């Protein structure tokens, strides 16, 4: 059986002897393998740097339980419970959709006020 295919590495046409062939030669297969390893490492490092930049974006289950136990919540804590951004919650407060008490510069929100 001969099938006309396009090489995944060099993008040239070739005649494959098997349906599972992805590259035109052994050299292209080795280069594609190395390229895939490199891309996997780059992706892994990007995830690590993203986690370092925004550790608060990845909230753990015990932190959520601690937030749920409180009666008065800060803007960020209430946004976590509602699964929205703090900016959206701030807009809701300014628009009158959510009641809050302002203590100094901080908004404190009662958990009862979050139920819609």
PDB file of N, CA and C in Angstrom:
ATOM      1  N   UNK A   1       0.842  -1.168   0.000  1.00  0.00           N
ATOM      2  CA  UNK A   1       0.000   0.000   0.000  1.00  0.00           C
ATOM      3  C   UNK A   1       0.896   1.243   0.000  1.00  0.00           C
ATOM      4  N   UNK A   2       0.602   2.218  -0.825  1.00  0.00           N
ATOM      5  CA  UNK A   2       1.361   3.465  -0.896  1.00  0.00           C
ATOM      6  C   UNK A   2       0.376   4.629  -0.788  1.00  0.00           C
ATOM      7  N   UNK A   3       0.669   5.531   0.127  1.00  0.00           N
ATOM      8  CA  UNK A   3      -0.223   6.654   0.413  1.00  0.00           C
ATOM      9  C   UNK A   3       0.578   7.944   0.271  1.00  0.00           C
ATOM     10  N   UNK A   4       0.026   8.938  -0.386  1.00  0.00           N
ATOM     11  CA  UNK A   4       0.671  10.238  -0.503  1.00  0.00           C
ATOM     12  C   UNK A   4       0.383  11.029   0.771  1.00  0.00           C
ATOM     13  N   UNK A   5       1.456  11.439   1.454  1.00  0.00           N
ATOM     14  CA  UNK A   5       1.324  12.174   2.710  1.00  0.00           C
ATOM     15  C   UNK A   5       2.252  13.376   2.702  1.00  0.00           C
ATOM     16  N   UNK A   6       2.119  14.226   3.712  1.00  0.00           N
ATOM     17  CA  UNK A   6       2.990  15.384   3.904  1.00  0.00           C
ATOM     18  C   UNK A   6       3.781  15.162   5.186  1.00  0.00           C
ATOM     19  N   UNK A   7       5.085  15.353   5.106  1.00  0.00           N
ATOM     20  CA  UNK A   7       5.970  15.161   6.257  1.00  0.00           C
ATOM     21  C   UNK A   7       5.645  16.197   7.331  1.00  0.00           C
ATOM     22  N   UNK A   8       5.535  15.745   8.596  1.00  0.00           N
ATOM     23  CA  UNK A   8       5.228  16.650   9.706  1.00  0.00           C
ATOM     24  C   UNK A   8       6.374  17.604  10.011  1.00  0.00           C
ATOM     25  N   UNK A   9       7.589  17.232   9.648  1.00  0.00           N
ATOM     26  CA  UNK A   9       8.734  18.079   9.962  1.00  0.00           C
ATOM     27  C   UNK A   9       9.079  19.027   8.819  1.00  0.00           C
ATOM     28  N   UNK A  10       9.356  18.485   7.637  1.00  0.00           N
ATOM     29  CA  UNK A  10       9.828  19.323   6.526  1.00  0.00           C
ATOM     30  C   UNK A  10       8.709  19.784   5.598  1.00  0.00           C
ATOM     31  N   UNK A  11       7.502  19.299   5.780  1.00  0.00           N
ATOM     32  CA  UNK A  11       6.308  19.691   5.022  1.00  0.00           C
ATOM     33  C   UNK A  11       6.396  19.370   3.527  1.00  0.00           C
ATOM     34  N   UNK A  12       7.191  18.367   3.163  1.00  0.00           N
ATOM     35  CA  UNK A  12       7.294  17.933   1.770  1.00  0.00           C
ATOM     36  C   UNK A  12       6.404  16.720   1.548  1.00  0.00           C
ATOM     37  N   UNK A  13       5.955  16.542   0.307  1.00  0.00           N
ATOM     38  CA  UNK A  13       5.159  15.367  -0.035  1.00  0.00           C
ATOM     39  C   UNK A  13       6.044  14.125  -0.087  1.00  0.00           C
ATOM     40  N   UNK A  14       5.504  13.004   0.365  1.00  0.00           N
ATOM     41  CA  UNK A  14       6.224  11.733   0.266  1.00  0.00           C
ATOM     42  C   UNK A  14       5.213  10.606   0.164  1.00  0.00           C
ATOM     43  N   UNK A  15       5.695   9.468  -0.306  1.00  0.00           N
ATOM     44  CA  UNK A  15       4.831   8.288  -0.424  1.00  0.00           C
ATOM     45  C   UNK A  15       5.102   7.393   0.778  1.00  0.00           C
ATOM     46  N   UNK A  16       4.072   7.216   1.596  1.00  0.00           N
ATOM     47  CA  UNK A  16       4.208   6.422   2.811  1.00  0.00           C
ATOM     48  C   UNK A  16       3.873   4.965   2.516  1.00  0.00           C
ATOM     49  N   UNK A  17       4.604   4.079   3.143  1.00  0.00           N
ATOM     50  CA  UNK A  17       4.343   2.650   2.983  1.00  0.00           C
ATOM     51  C   UNK A  17       3.337   2.149   4.015  1.00  0.00           C
ATOM     52  N   UNK A  18       3.219   2.903   5.133  1.00  0.00           N
ATOM     53  CA  UNK A  18       2.271   2.553   6.188  1.00  0.00           C
ATOM     54  C   UNK A  18       1.373   3.754   6.476  1.00  0.00           C
ATOM     55  N   UNK A  19       0.224   3.493   7.040  1.00  0.00           N
ATOM     56  CA  UNK A  19      -0.698   4.587   7.360  1.00  0.00           C
ATOM     57  C   UNK A  19      -0.249   5.386   8.575  1.00  0.00           C
ATOM     58  N   UNK A  20       0.619   4.814   9.391  1.00  0.00           N
ATOM     59  CA  UNK A  20       1.058   5.490  10.603  1.00  0.00           C
ATOM     60  C   UNK A  20       2.284   6.373  10.393  1.00  0.00           C
ATOM     61  N   UNK A  21       2.862   6.393   9.201  1.00  0.00           N
ATOM     62  CA  UNK A  21       4.053   7.207   8.926  1.00  0.00           C
ATOM     63  C   UNK A  21       3.707   8.685   9.019  1.00  0.00           C
ATOM     64  N   UNK A  22       4.584   9.415   9.701  1.00  0.00           N
ATOM     65  CA  UNK A  22       4.373  10.855   9.848  1.00  0.00           C
ATOM     66  C   UNK A  22       5.475  11.666   9.193  1.00  0.00           C
ATOM     67  N   UNK A  23       6.626  11.051   8.994  1.00  0.00           N
ATOM     68  CA  UNK A  23       7.756  11.773   8.411  1.00  0.00           C
ATOM     69  C   UNK A  23       8.264  11.036   7.180  1.00  0.00           C
ATOM     70  N   UNK A  24       9.015  11.783   6.353  1.00  0.00           N
ATOM     71  CA  UNK A  24       9.486  11.213   5.092  1.00  0.00           C
ATOM     72  C   UNK A  24      10.758  10.386   5.247  1.00  0.00           C
ATOM     73  N   UNK A  25      11.530  10.646   6.303  1.00  0.00           N
ATOM     74  CA  UNK A  25      12.788   9.914   6.469  1.00  0.00           C
ATOM     75  C   UNK A  25      13.108   9.765   7.954  1.00  0.00           C
ATOM     76  N   UNK A  26      14.159   9.013   8.211  1.00  0.00           N
ATOM     77  CA  UNK A  26      14.607   8.813   9.580  1.00  0.00           C
ATOM     78  C   UNK A  26      15.156  10.111  10.156  1.00  0.00           C
ATOM     79  N   UNK A  27      15.843  10.900   9.328  1.00  0.00           N
ATOM     80  CA  UNK A  27      16.374  12.187   9.806  1.00  0.00           C
ATOM     81  C   UNK A  27      15.248  13.125  10.237  1.00  0.00           C
ATOM     82  N   UNK A  28      14.190  13.208   9.440  1.00  0.00           N
ATOM     83  CA  UNK A  28      13.044  14.050   9.804  1.00  0.00           C
ATOM     84  C   UNK A  28      12.369  13.525  11.068  1.00  0.00           C
ATOM     85  N   UNK A  29      12.302  12.232  11.232  1.00  0.00           N
ATOM     86  CA  UNK A  29      11.693  11.652  12.426  1.00  0.00           C
ATOM     87  C   UNK A  29      12.485  12.026  13.677  1.00  0.00           C
ATOM     88  N   UNK A  30      13.815  11.959  13.590  1.00  0.00           N
ATOM     89  CA  UNK A  30      14.659  12.330  14.733  1.00  0.00           C
ATOM     90  C   UNK A  30      14.537  13.814  15.044  1.00  0.00           C
ATOM     91  N   UNK A  31      14.503  14.642  14.009  1.00  0.00           N
ATOM     92  CA  UNK A  31      14.384  16.087  14.221  1.00  0.00           C
ATOM     93  C   UNK A  31      13.016  16.444  14.791  1.00  0.00           C
ATOM     94  N   UNK A  32      11.969  15.784  14.319  1.00  0.00           N
ATOM     95  CA  UNK A  32      10.633  16.021  14.847  1.00  0.00           C
ATOM     96  C   UNK A  32      10.537  15.602  16.315  1.00  0.00           C
ATOM     97  N   UNK A  33      11.169  14.494  16.660  1.00  0.00           N
ATOM     98  CA  UNK A  33      11.185  14.028  18.045  1.00  0.00           C
ATOM     99  C   UNK A  33      11.849  15.061  18.947  1.00  0.00           C
ATOM    100  N   UNK A  34      13.012  15.568  18.516  1.00  0.00           N
ATOM    101  CA  UNK A  34      13.720  16.579  19.314  1.00  0.00           C
ATOM    102  C   UNK A  34      12.908  17.867  19.412  1.00  0.00           C
ATOM    103  N   UNK A  35      12.254  18.248  18.331  1.00  0.00           N
ATOM    104  CA  UNK A  35      11.432  19.451  18.343  1.00  0.00           C
ATOM    105  C   UNK A  35      10.268  19.303  19.313  1.00  0.00           C
ATOM    106  N   UNK A  36       9.641  18.130  19.328  1.00  0.00           N
ATOM    107  CA  UNK A  36       8.534  17.890  20.262  1.00  0.00           C
ATOM    108  C   UNK A  36       8.998  17.916  21.711  1.00  0.00           C
ATOM    109  N   UNK A  37      10.179  17.345  21.983  1.00  0.00           N
ATOM    110  CA  UNK A  37      10.726  17.401  23.346  1.00  0.00           C
ATOM    111  C   UNK A  37      10.998  18.842  23.759  1.00  0.00           C
ATOM    112  N   UNK A  38      11.577  19.597  22.845  1.00  0.00           N
ATOM    113  CA  UNK A  38      11.893  20.998  23.127  1.00  0.00           C
ATOM    114  C   UNK A  38      10.615  21.783  23.413  1.00  0.00           C
ATOM    115  N   UNK A  39       9.597  21.606  22.593  1.00  0.00           N
ATOM    116  CA  UNK A  39       8.337  22.320  22.802  1.00  0.00           C
ATOM    117  C   UNK A  39       7.669  21.931  24.114  1.00  0.00           C
ATOM    118  N   UNK A  40       7.784  20.667  24.491  1.00  0.00           N
ATOM    119  CA  UNK A  40       7.214  20.210  25.757  1.00  0.00           C
ATOM    120  C   UNK A  40       7.926  20.868  26.943  1.00  0.00           C
ATOM    121  N   UNK A  41       9.260  20.963  26.861  1.00  0.00           N
ATOM    122  CA  UNK A  41      10.020  21.614  27.932  1.00  0.00           C
ATOM    123  C   UNK A  41       9.687  23.101  28.022  1.00  0.00           C
ATOM    124  N   UNK A  42       9.560  23.755  26.881  1.00  0.00           N
ATOM    125  CA  UNK A  42       9.226  25.176  26.862  1.00  0.00           C
ATOM    126  C   UNK A  42       7.854  25.399  27.491  1.00  0.00           C
ATOM    127  N   UNK A  43       6.900  24.579  27.134  1.00  0.00           N
ATOM    128  CA  UNK A  43       5.550  24.695  27.691  1.00  0.00           C
ATOM    129  C   UNK A  43       5.567  24.486  29.205  1.00  0.00           C
ATOM    130  N   UNK A  44       6.347  23.507  29.661  1.00  0.00           N
ATOM    131  CA  UNK A  44       6.443  23.239  31.094  1.00  0.00           C
ATOM    132  C   UNK A  44       7.043  24.442  31.829  1.00  0.00           C
ATOM    133  N   UNK A  45       8.085  25.043  31.279  1.00  0.00           N
ATOM    134  CA  UNK A  45       8.709  26.204  31.906  1.00  0.00           C
ATOM    135  C   UNK A  45       7.780  27.411  31.898  1.00  0.00           C
ATOM    136  N   UNK A  46       6.990  27.577  30.843  1.00  0.00           N
ATOM    137  CA  UNK A  46       6.032  28.678  30.802  1.00  0.00           C
ATOM    138  C   UNK A  46       4.984  28.526  31.891  1.00  0.00           C
ATOM    139  N   UNK A  47       4.548  27.296  32.124  1.00  0.00           N
ATOM    140  CA  UNK A  47       3.581  27.060  33.206  1.00  0.00           C
ATOM    141  C   UNK A  47       4.190  27.380  34.565  1.00  0.00           C
ATOM    142  N   UNK A  48       5.449  27.009  34.756  1.00  0.00           N
ATOM    143  CA  UNK A  48       6.112  27.289  36.030  1.00  0.00           C
ATOM    144  C   UNK A  48       6.242  28.792  36.259  1.00  0.00           C
ATOM    145  N   UNK A  49       6.638  29.540  35.219  1.00  0.00           N
ATOM    146  CA  UNK A  49       6.773  30.989  35.384  1.00  0.00           C
ATOM    147  C   UNK A  49       5.414  31.645  35.588  1.00  0.00           C
ATOM    148  N   UNK A  50       4.383  31.141  34.943  1.00  0.00           N
ATOM    149  CA  UNK A  50       3.035  31.684  35.136  1.00  0.00           C
ATOM    150  C   UNK A  50       2.583  31.455  36.569  1.00  0.00           C
ATOM    151  N   UNK A  51       2.896  30.297  37.113  1.00  0.00           N
ATOM    152  CA  UNK A  51       2.536  30.009  38.498  1.00  0.00           C
ATOM    153  C   UNK A  51       3.298  30.914  39.454  1.00  0.00           C
ATOM    154  N   UNK A  52       4.570  31.208  39.143  1.00  0.00           N
ATOM    155  CA  UNK A  52       5.352  32.105  39.994  1.00  0.00           C
ATOM    156  C   UNK A  52       4.838  33.534  39.923  1.00  0.00           C
ATOM    157  N   UNK A  53       4.380  33.961  38.747  1.00  0.00           N
ATOM    158  CA  UNK A  53       3.878  35.324  38.592  1.00  0.00           C
ATOM    159  C   UNK A  53       2.561  35.526  39.316  1.00  0.00           C
ATOM    160  N   UNK A  54       1.669  34.570  39.200  1.00  0.00           N
ATOM    161  CA  UNK A  54       0.337  34.707  39.769  1.00  0.00           C
ATOM    162  C   UNK A  54       0.000  33.521  40.660  1.00  0.00           C
ATOM    163  N   UNK A  55       0.645  33.409  41.815  1.00  0.00           N
ATOM    164  CA  UNK A  55       0.315  32.262  42.678  1.00  0.00           C
ATOM    165  C   UNK A  55      -1.094  32.359  43.239  1.00  0.00           C
ATOM    166  N   UNK A  56      -1.653  33.580  43.330  1.00  0.00           N
ATOM    167  CA  UNK A  56      -3.004  33.709  43.863  1.00  0.00           C
ATOM    168  C   UNK A  56      -4.054  33.236  42.869  1.00  0.00           C
ATOM    169  N   UNK A  57      -3.673  33.065  41.603  1.00  0.00           N
ATOM    170  CA  UNK A  57      -4.624  32.582  40.608  1.00  0.00           C
ATOM    171  C   UNK A  57      -4.941  31.103  40.820  1.00  0.00           C
ATOM    172  N   UNK A  58      -4.053  30.392  41.499  1.00  0.00           N
ATOM    173  CA  UNK A  58      -4.249  28.972  41.765  1.00  0.00           C
ATOM    174  C   UNK A  58      -4.574  28.811  43.241  1.00  0.00           C
ATOM    175  N   UNK A  59      -5.857  28.784  43.549  1.00  0.00           N
ATOM    176  CA  UNK A  59      -6.302  28.746  44.937  1.00  0.00           C
ATOM    177  C   UNK A  59      -6.544  27.303  45.348  1.00  0.00           C
ATOM    178  N   UNK A  60      -6.088  26.970  46.521  1.00  0.00           N
ATOM    179  CA  UNK A  60      -6.205  25.610  47.016  1.00  0.00           C
ATOM    180  C   UNK A  60      -7.530  25.430  47.748  1.00  0.00           C
ATOM    181  N   UNK A  61      -7.905  24.176  47.906  1.00  0.00           N
ATOM    182  CA  UNK A  61      -9.197  23.833  48.494  1.00  0.00           C
ATOM    183  C   UNK A  61      -9.312  24.290  49.944  1.00  0.00           C
ATOM    184  N   UNK A  62      -8.227  24.195  50.707  1.00  0.00           N
ATOM    185  CA  UNK A  62      -8.288  24.608  52.107  1.00  0.00           C
ATOM    186  C   UNK A  62      -8.467  26.123  52.238  1.00  0.00           C
ATOM    187  N   UNK A  63      -7.943  26.883  51.277  1.00  0.00           N
ATOM    188  CA  UNK A  63      -8.149  28.326  51.294  1.00  0.00           C
ATOM    189  C   UNK A  63      -9.611  28.668  51.022  1.00  0.00           C
ATOM    190  N   UNK A  64     -10.246  27.920  50.125  1.00  0.00           N
ATOM    191  CA  UNK A  64     -11.653  28.155  49.830  1.00  0.00           C
ATOM    192  C   UNK A  64     -12.512  27.835  51.051  1.00  0.00           C
ATOM    193  N   UNK A  65     -12.185  26.761  51.766  1.00  0.00           N
ATOM    194  CA  UNK A  65     -12.941  26.409  52.979  1.00  0.00           C
ATOM    195  C   UNK A  65     -12.792  27.480  54.048  1.00  0.00           C
ATOM    196  N   UNK A  66     -11.584  28.058  54.160  1.00  0.00           N
ATOM    197  CA  UNK A  66     -11.362  29.127  55.136  1.00  0.00           C
ATOM    198  C   UNK A  66     -12.168  30.370  54.770  1.00  0.00           C
ATOM    199  N   UNK A  67     -12.265  30.666  53.483  1.00  0.00           N
ATOM    200  CA  UNK A  67     -13.057  31.821  53.036  1.00  0.00           C
ATOM    201  C   UNK A  67     -14.535  31.590  53.300  1.00  0.00           C
ATOM    202  N   UNK A  68     -15.008  30.358  53.062  1.00  0.00           N
ATOM    203  CA  UNK A  68     -16.427  30.055  53.263  1.00  0.00           C
ATOM    204  C   UNK A  68     -16.834  30.148  54.730  1.00  0.00           C
ATOM    205  N   UNK A  69     -15.890  29.984  55.647  1.00  0.00           N
ATOM    206  CA  UNK A  69     -16.204  30.032  57.071  1.00  0.00           C
ATOM    207  C   UNK A  69     -16.375  31.465  57.579  1.00  0.00           C
ATOM    208  N   UNK A  70     -15.876  32.447  56.850  1.00  0.00           N
ATOM    209  CA  UNK A  70     -15.941  33.839  57.299  1.00  0.00           C
ATOM    210  C   UNK A  70     -17.312  34.444  57.012  1.00  0.00           C
ATOM    211  N   UNK A  71     -17.672  35.438  57.817  1.00  0.00           N
ATOM    212  CA  UNK A  71     -18.919  36.181  57.601  1.00  0.00           C
ATOM    213  C   UNK A  71     -18.651  37.456  56.805  1.00  0.00           C
ATOM    214  N   UNK A  72     -17.583  38.178  57.175  1.00  0.00           N
ATOM    215  CA  UNK A  72     -17.186  39.382  56.450  1.00  0.00           C
ATOM    216  C   UNK A  72     -16.067  39.019  55.488  1.00  0.00           C
ATOM    217  N   UNK A  73     -16.242  39.393  54.236  1.00  0.00           N
ATOM    218  CA  UNK A  73     -15.265  39.038  53.209  1.00  0.00           C
ATOM    219  C   UNK A  73     -14.674  40.284  52.580  1.00  0.00           C
ATOM    220  N   UNK A  74     -13.402  40.178  52.195  1.00  0.00           N
ATOM    221  CA  UNK A  74     -12.793  41.250  51.427  1.00  0.00           C
ATOM    222  C   UNK A  74     -13.240  41.117  49.977  1.00  0.00           C
ATOM    223  N   UNK A  75     -12.866  42.087  49.183  1.00  0.00           N
ATOM    224  CA  UNK A  75     -13.257  42.086  47.780  1.00  0.00           C
ATOM    225  C   UNK A  75     -12.702  40.865  47.056  1.00  0.00           C
ATOM    226  N   UNK A  76     -11.443  40.537  47.291  1.00  0.00           N
ATOM    227  CA  UNK A  76     -10.815  39.391  46.618  1.00  0.00           C
ATOM    228  C   UNK A  76     -11.443  38.071  47.058  1.00  0.00           C
ATOM    229  N   UNK A  77     -11.707  37.933  48.350  1.00  0.00           N
ATOM    230  CA  UNK A  77     -12.298  36.699  48.853  1.00  0.00           C
ATOM    231  C   UNK A  77     -13.700  36.486  48.296  1.00  0.00           C
ATOM    232  N   UNK A  78     -14.480  37.564  48.223  1.00  0.00           N
ATOM    233  CA  UNK A  78     -15.829  37.447  47.667  1.00  0.00           C
ATOM    234  C   UNK A  78     -15.769  37.110  46.178  1.00  0.00           C
ATOM    235  N   UNK A  79     -14.789  37.668  45.472  1.00  0.00           N
ATOM    236  CA  UNK A  79     -14.638  37.373  44.047  1.00  0.00           C
ATOM    237  C   UNK A  79     -14.277  35.908  43.837  1.00  0.00           C
ATOM    238  N   UNK A  80     -13.486  35.342  44.726  1.00  0.00           N
ATOM    239  CA  UNK A  80     -13.131  33.923  44.632  1.00  0.00           C
ATOM    240  C   UNK A  80     -14.364  33.059  44.823  1.00  0.00           C
ATOM    241  N   UNK A  81     -15.197  33.399  45.800  1.00  0.00           N
ATOM    242  CA  UNK A  81     -16.414  32.616  46.045  1.00  0.00           C
ATOM    243  C   UNK A  81     -17.385  32.697  44.878  1.00  0.00           C
ATOM    244  N   UNK A  82     -17.473  33.859  44.236  1.00  0.00           N
ATOM    245  CA  UNK A  82     -18.386  34.026  43.114  1.00  0.00           C
ATOM    246  C   UNK A  82     -17.777  33.570  41.788  1.00  0.00           C
ATOM    247  N   UNK A  83     -16.499  33.253  41.804  1.00  0.00           N
ATOM    248  CA  UNK A  83     -15.765  32.815  40.612  1.00  0.00           C
ATOM    249  C   UNK A  83     -15.776  33.902  39.527  1.00  0.00           C
ATOM    250  N   UNK A  84     -15.523  35.131  39.947  1.00  0.00           N
ATOM    251  CA  UNK A  84     -15.399  36.255  39.028  1.00  0.00           C
ATOM    252  C   UNK A  84     -14.138  37.030  39.390  1.00  0.00           C
ATOM    253  N   UNK A  85     -13.776  37.983  38.567  1.00  0.00           N
ATOM    254  CA  UNK A  85     -12.580  38.778  38.868  1.00  0.00           C
ATOM    255  C   UNK A  85     -12.936  39.853  39.896  1.00  0.00           C
ATOM    256  N   UNK A  86     -11.957  40.307  40.676  1.00  0.00           N
ATOM    257  CA  UNK A  86     -12.223  41.369  41.645  1.00  0.00           C
ATOM    258  C   UNK A  86     -12.702  42.665  40.982  1.00  0.00           C
ATOM    259  N   UNK A  87     -12.236  42.923  39.765  1.00  0.00           N
ATOM    260  CA  UNK A  87     -12.669  44.117  39.049  1.00  0.00           C
ATOM    261  C   UNK A  87     -14.165  44.063  38.734  1.00  0.00           C
ATOM    262  N   UNK A  88     -14.653  42.896  38.328  1.00  0.00           N
ATOM    263  CA  UNK A  88     -16.081  42.738  38.057  1.00  0.00           C
ATOM    264  C   UNK A  88     -16.891  42.965  39.321  1.00  0.00           C
ATOM    265  N   UNK A  89     -16.430  42.418  40.437  1.00  0.00           N
ATOM    266  CA  UNK A  89     -17.144  42.601  41.700  1.00  0.00           C
ATOM    267  C   UNK A  89     -17.133  44.069  42.107  1.00  0.00           C
ATOM    268  N   UNK A  90     -16.035  44.746  41.892  1.00  0.00           N
ATOM    269  CA  UNK A  90     -15.958  46.179  42.204  1.00  0.00           C
ATOM    270  C   UNK A  90     -16.982  46.961  41.363  1.00  0.00           C
ATOM    271  N   UNK A  91     -17.111  46.590  40.097  1.00  0.00           N
ATOM    272  CA  UNK A  91     -18.110  47.240  39.232  1.00  0.00           C
ATOM    273  C   UNK A  91     -19.524  46.967  39.726  1.00  0.00           C
ATOM    274  N   UNK A  92     -19.776  45.740  40.188  1.00  0.00           N
ATOM    275  CA  UNK A  92     -21.091  45.404  40.718  1.00  0.00           C
ATOM    276  C   UNK A  92     -21.397  46.241  41.962  1.00  0.00           C
ATOM    277  N   UNK A  93     -20.388  46.435  42.797  1.00  0.00           N
ATOM    278  CA  UNK A  93     -20.576  47.231  44.011  1.00  0.00           C
ATOM    279  C   UNK A  93     -20.883  48.678  43.639  1.00  0.00           C
ATOM    280  N   UNK A  94     -20.125  49.235  42.726  1.00  0.00           N
ATOM    281  CA  UNK A  94     -20.348  50.616  42.310  1.00  0.00           C
ATOM    282  C   UNK A  94     -21.671  50.773  41.566  1.00  0.00           C
ATOM    283  N   UNK A  95     -22.116  49.716  40.886  1.00  0.00           N
ATOM    284  CA  UNK A  95     -23.390  49.749  40.179  1.00  0.00           C
ATOM    285  C   UNK A  95     -24.592  49.478  41.073  1.00  0.00           C
ATOM    286  N   UNK A  96     -24.369  49.072  42.307  1.00  0.00           N
ATOM    287  CA  UNK A  96     -25.463  48.831  43.240  1.00  0.00           C
ATOM    288  C   UNK A  96     -25.998  47.412  43.229  1.00  0.00           C
ATOM    289  N   UNK A  97     -25.381  46.501  42.517  1.00  0.00           N
ATOM    290  CA  UNK A  97     -25.854  45.114  42.486  1.00  0.00           C
ATOM    291  C   UNK A  97     -25.507  44.365  43.766  1.00  0.00           C
ATOM    292  N   UNK A  98     -24.384  44.738  44.380  1.00  0.00           N
ATOM    293  CA  UNK A  98     -23.925  44.087  45.615  1.00  0.00           C
ATOM    294  C   UNK A  98     -23.691  45.176  46.655  1.00  0.00           C
ATOM    295  N   UNK A  99     -24.178  44.936  47.882  1.00  0.00           N
ATOM    296  CA  UNK A  99     -23.953  45.895  48.970  1.00  0.00           C
ATOM    297  C   UNK A  99     -22.622  45.607  49.640  1.00  0.00           C
ATOM    298  N   UNK A 100     -21.951  46.677  50.059  1.00  0.00           N
ATOM    299  CA  UNK A 100     -20.696  46.505  50.794  1.00  0.00           C
ATOM    300  C   UNK A 100     -20.534  47.658  51.764  1.00  0.00           C
ATOM    301  N   UNK A 101     -19.735  47.425  52.778  1.00  0.00           N
ATOM    302  CA  UNK A 101     -19.363  48.466  53.729  1.00  0.00           C
ATOM    303  C   UNK A 101     -17.924  48.835  53.447  1.00  0.00           C
ATOM    304  N   UNK A 102     -17.671  50.117  53.354  1.00  0.00           N
ATOM    305  CA  UNK A 102     -16.318  50.554  53.073  1.00  0.00           C
ATOM    306  C   UNK A 102     -15.654  50.949  54.386  1.00  0.00           C
ATOM    307  N   UNK A 103     -14.596  50.244  54.728  1.00  0.00           N
ATOM    308  CA  UNK A 103     -13.841  50.518  55.940  1.00  0.00           C
ATOM    309  C   UNK A 103     -12.478  51.027  55.494  1.00  0.00           C
ATOM    310  N   UNK A 104     -12.278  52.330  55.640  1.00  0.00           N
ATOM    311  CA  UNK A 104     -11.050  52.935  55.123  1.00  0.00           C
ATOM    312  C   UNK A 104     -11.093  52.898  53.603  1.00  0.00           C
ATOM    313  N   UNK A 105     -10.131  52.230  53.006  1.00  0.00           N
ATOM    314  CA  UNK A 105     -10.092  52.083  51.557  1.00  0.00           C
ATOM    315  C   UNK A 105     -10.608  50.734  51.093  1.00  0.00           C
ATOM    316  N   UNK A 106     -10.911  49.842  52.030  1.00  0.00           N
ATOM    317  CA  UNK A 106     -11.306  48.476  51.670  1.00  0.00           C
ATOM    318  C   UNK A 106     -12.817  48.295  51.717  1.00  0.00           C
ATOM    319  N   UNK A 107     -13.300  47.494  50.795  1.00  0.00           N
ATOM    320  CA  UNK A 107     -14.704  47.090  50.791  1.00  0.00           C
ATOM    321  C   UNK A 107     -14.823  45.799  51.592  1.00  0.00           C
ATOM    322  N   UNK A 108     -15.731  45.771  52.542  1.00  0.00           N
ATOM    323  CA  UNK A 108     -16.038  44.559  53.282  1.00  0.00           C
ATOM    324  C   UNK A 108     -17.460  44.152  52.912  1.00  0.00           C
ATOM    325  N   UNK A 109     -17.621  42.890  52.541  1.00  0.00           N
ATOM    326  CA  UNK A 109     -18.897  42.402  52.035  1.00  0.00           C
ATOM    327  C   UNK A 109     -19.385  41.302  52.968  1.00  0.00           C
ATOM    328  N   UNK A 110     -20.635  41.386  53.373  1.00  0.00           N
ATOM    329  CA  UNK A 110     -21.230  40.318  54.166  1.00  0.00           C
ATOM    330  C   UNK A 110     -21.558  39.151  53.238  1.00  0.00           C
ATOM    331  N   UNK A 111     -21.334  37.944  53.729  1.00  0.00           N
ATOM    332  CA  UNK A 111     -21.606  36.766  52.913  1.00  0.00           C
ATOM    333  C   UNK A 111     -23.095  36.649  52.554  1.00  0.00           C
ATOM    334  N   UNK A 112     -23.953  37.169  53.431  1.00  0.00           N
ATOM    335  CA  UNK A 112     -25.392  37.143  53.183  1.00  0.00           C
ATOM    336  C   UNK A 112     -25.745  37.998  51.955  1.00  0.00           C
ATOM    337  N   UNK A 113     -24.992  39.079  51.737  1.00  0.00           N
ATOM    338  CA  UNK A 113     -25.254  39.971  50.604  1.00  0.00           C
ATOM    339  C   UNK A 113     -24.841  39.358  49.266  1.00  0.00           C
ATOM    340  N   UNK A 114     -24.104  38.290  49.279  1.00  0.00           N
ATOM    341  CA  UNK A 114     -23.648  37.676  48.029  1.00  0.00           C
ATOM    342  C   UNK A 114     -24.668  36.729  47.415  1.00  0.00           C
ATOM    343  N   UNK A 115     -25.670  36.328  48.177  1.00  0.00           N
ATOM    344  CA  UNK A 115     -26.668  35.405  47.635  1.00  0.00           C
ATOM    345  C   UNK A 115     -27.626  36.188  46.729  1.00  0.00           C
ATOM    346  N   UNK A 116     -27.723  35.744  45.512  1.00  0.00           N
ATOM    347  CA  UNK A 116     -28.586  36.423  44.533  1.00  0.00           C
ATOM    348  C   UNK A 116     -29.894  35.715  44.387  1.00  0.00           C
TER     349      UNK A 116
END
